[in-house]
Amino acid sequence: MSDEKQATQRDLDNLHRRFDEHYAERMERIERKLSELTEAVVSIARAEEKIAVLIDDTREMKYALNAHVNRIHQLELDTEQNKRGLQTLSKVFWVAVGAAAVAFATMFANSLGL
């Protein structure tokens, strides 16, 4: 009977050792998975931060682009107005040059007695 008791104790010890090994392996797997999850969460958080920065940068670029578009539009309007003013001034200048040429020709003709 003592042999049976010792065999049973040995079996229990082996079972206990196998349980401990199995438990240790399970804990290692769980710890690895938790570590992987932690790394994934940190990676996602970093990606979110980068996305937030990109969104802010994009928003700033849109505002700057809109401001430049508005400035270009205003410059186009000013340029068109200046163009019309220069065309008018050019016409007035050539009318004045023509009038001066006619006056000079008339004076020249009068001085010649024509």
Protein backbone atom coordinates (compact mmCIF):
# COMPACT_ATOMS: atom_id res chain seq x y z
CA MET A 1 0.00 0.00 0.00
CA SER A 2 2.85 2.37 0.63
CA ASP A 3 4.02 1.73 -2.94
CA GLU A 4 0.64 2.80 -4.19
CA LYS A 5 0.73 5.86 -1.97
CA GLN A 6 4.22 6.81 -3.19
CA ALA A 7 3.23 6.19 -6.82
CA THR A 8 0.19 8.32 -6.31
CA GLN A 9 2.26 11.04 -4.66
CA ARG A 10 4.74 10.84 -7.55
CA ASP A 11 1.86 11.08 -10.00
CA LEU A 12 0.49 14.06 -8.13
CA ASP A 13 3.92 15.69 -8.12
CA ASN A 14 4.26 15.08 -11.87
CA LEU A 15 0.77 16.41 -12.44
CA HIS A 16 1.53 19.43 -10.29
CA ARG A 17 4.79 20.06 -12.21
CA ARG A 18 3.01 19.72 -15.60
CA PHE A 19 0.28 22.07 -14.41
CA ASP A 20 2.93 24.60 -13.32
CA GLU A 21 4.68 24.30 -16.69
CA HIS A 22 1.40 24.66 -18.55
CA TYR A 23 0.42 27.63 -16.38
CA ALA A 24 3.83 29.26 -16.95
CA GLU A 25 3.55 28.77 -20.73
CA ARG A 26 0.05 30.23 -20.70
CA MET A 27 1.18 33.22 -18.69
CA GLU A 28 4.07 33.79 -21.12
CA ARG A 29 1.67 33.69 -24.09
CA ILE A 30 -0.70 36.08 -22.32
CA GLU A 31 2.18 38.42 -21.48
CA ARG A 32 3.39 38.31 -25.10
CA LYS A 33 -0.09 39.08 -26.37
CA LEU A 34 -0.48 41.94 -23.87
CA SER A 35 2.88 43.29 -24.97
CA GLU A 36 1.82 43.08 -28.62
CA LEU A 37 -1.48 44.79 -27.80
CA THR A 38 0.37 47.53 -25.92
CA GLU A 39 2.66 48.08 -28.90
CA ALA A 40 -0.35 48.17 -31.22
CA VAL A 41 -2.18 50.71 -29.04
CA VAL A 42 0.94 52.90 -28.85
CA SER A 43 1.34 52.64 -32.63
CA ILE A 44 -2.30 53.59 -33.17
CA ALA A 45 -1.94 56.55 -30.79
CA ARG A 46 1.13 57.77 -32.70
CA ALA A 47 -0.71 57.38 -35.99
CA GLU A 48 -3.65 59.38 -34.60
CA GLU A 49 -1.27 62.15 -33.54
CA LYS A 50 0.29 62.23 -36.99
CA ILE A 51 -3.15 62.31 -38.62
CA ALA A 52 -4.22 65.17 -36.34
CA VAL A 53 -1.09 67.13 -37.28
CA LEU A 54 -1.69 66.43 -40.97
CA ILE A 55 -5.30 67.59 -40.67
CA ASP A 56 -4.17 70.82 -39.00
CA ASP A 57 -1.50 71.36 -41.66
CA THR A 58 -4.03 70.73 -44.42
CA ARG A 59 -6.46 73.17 -42.85
CA GLU A 60 -3.74 75.85 -42.64
CA MET A 61 -2.75 75.22 -46.26
CA LYS A 62 -6.39 75.57 -47.35
CA TYR A 63 -6.69 78.90 -45.51
CA ALA A 64 -3.42 80.11 -47.05
CA LEU A 65 -4.48 78.94 -50.50
CA ASN A 66 -7.84 80.69 -50.18
CA ALA A 67 -6.08 83.89 -49.09
CA HIS A 68 -3.76 83.67 -52.11
CA VAL A 69 -6.68 83.01 -54.46
CA ASN A 70 -8.46 86.08 -53.07
CA ARG A 71 -5.30 88.19 -53.47
CA ILE A 72 -4.81 86.99 -57.05
CA HIS A 73 -8.44 87.79 -57.85
CA GLN A 74 -8.04 91.29 -56.43
CA LEU A 75 -4.80 91.76 -58.39
CA GLU A 76 -6.60 90.69 -61.58
CA LEU A 77 -9.32 93.27 -60.92
CA ASP A 78 -6.74 95.99 -60.21
CA THR A 79 -4.75 95.04 -63.31
CA GLU A 80 -7.84 95.22 -65.51
CA GLN A 81 -8.71 98.64 -64.08
CA ASN A 82 -5.14 99.87 -64.64
CA LYS A 83 -5.22 98.49 -68.21
CA ARG A 84 -8.39 100.43 -69.00
CA GLY A 85 -6.89 103.58 -67.47
CA LEU A 86 -3.70 103.22 -69.53
CA GLN A 87 -5.69 102.63 -72.71
CA THR A 88 -7.63 105.83 -72.07
CA LEU A 89 -4.44 107.75 -71.27
CA SER A 90 -2.82 106.38 -74.44
CA LYS A 91 -5.75 107.56 -76.55
CA VAL A 92 -5.64 111.01 -74.96
CA PHE A 93 -1.87 111.15 -75.55
CA TRP A 94 -2.19 110.29 -79.24
CA VAL A 95 -5.05 112.75 -79.72
CA ALA A 96 -2.84 115.42 -78.13
CA VAL A 97 0.13 114.43 -80.33
CA GLY A 98 -2.13 114.52 -83.40
CA ALA A 99 -3.53 117.91 -82.41
CA ALA A 100 -0.02 119.23 -81.82
CA ALA A 101 1.08 117.87 -85.19
CA VAL A 102 -1.89 119.53 -86.92
CA ALA A 103 -1.22 122.80 -85.08
CA PHE A 104 2.47 122.64 -86.02
CA ALA A 105 1.64 121.83 -89.65
CA THR A 106 -0.89 124.67 -89.72
CA MET A 107 1.66 127.10 -88.27
CA PHE A 108 4.26 125.89 -90.74
CA ALA A 109 1.84 126.26 -93.65
CA ASN A 110 0.81 129.74 -92.47
CA SER A 111 4.44 130.77 -92.20
CA LEU A 112 5.02 129.64 -95.76
CA GLY A 113 1.94 131.54 -96.85
CA LEU A 114 -0.10 128.65 -97.88
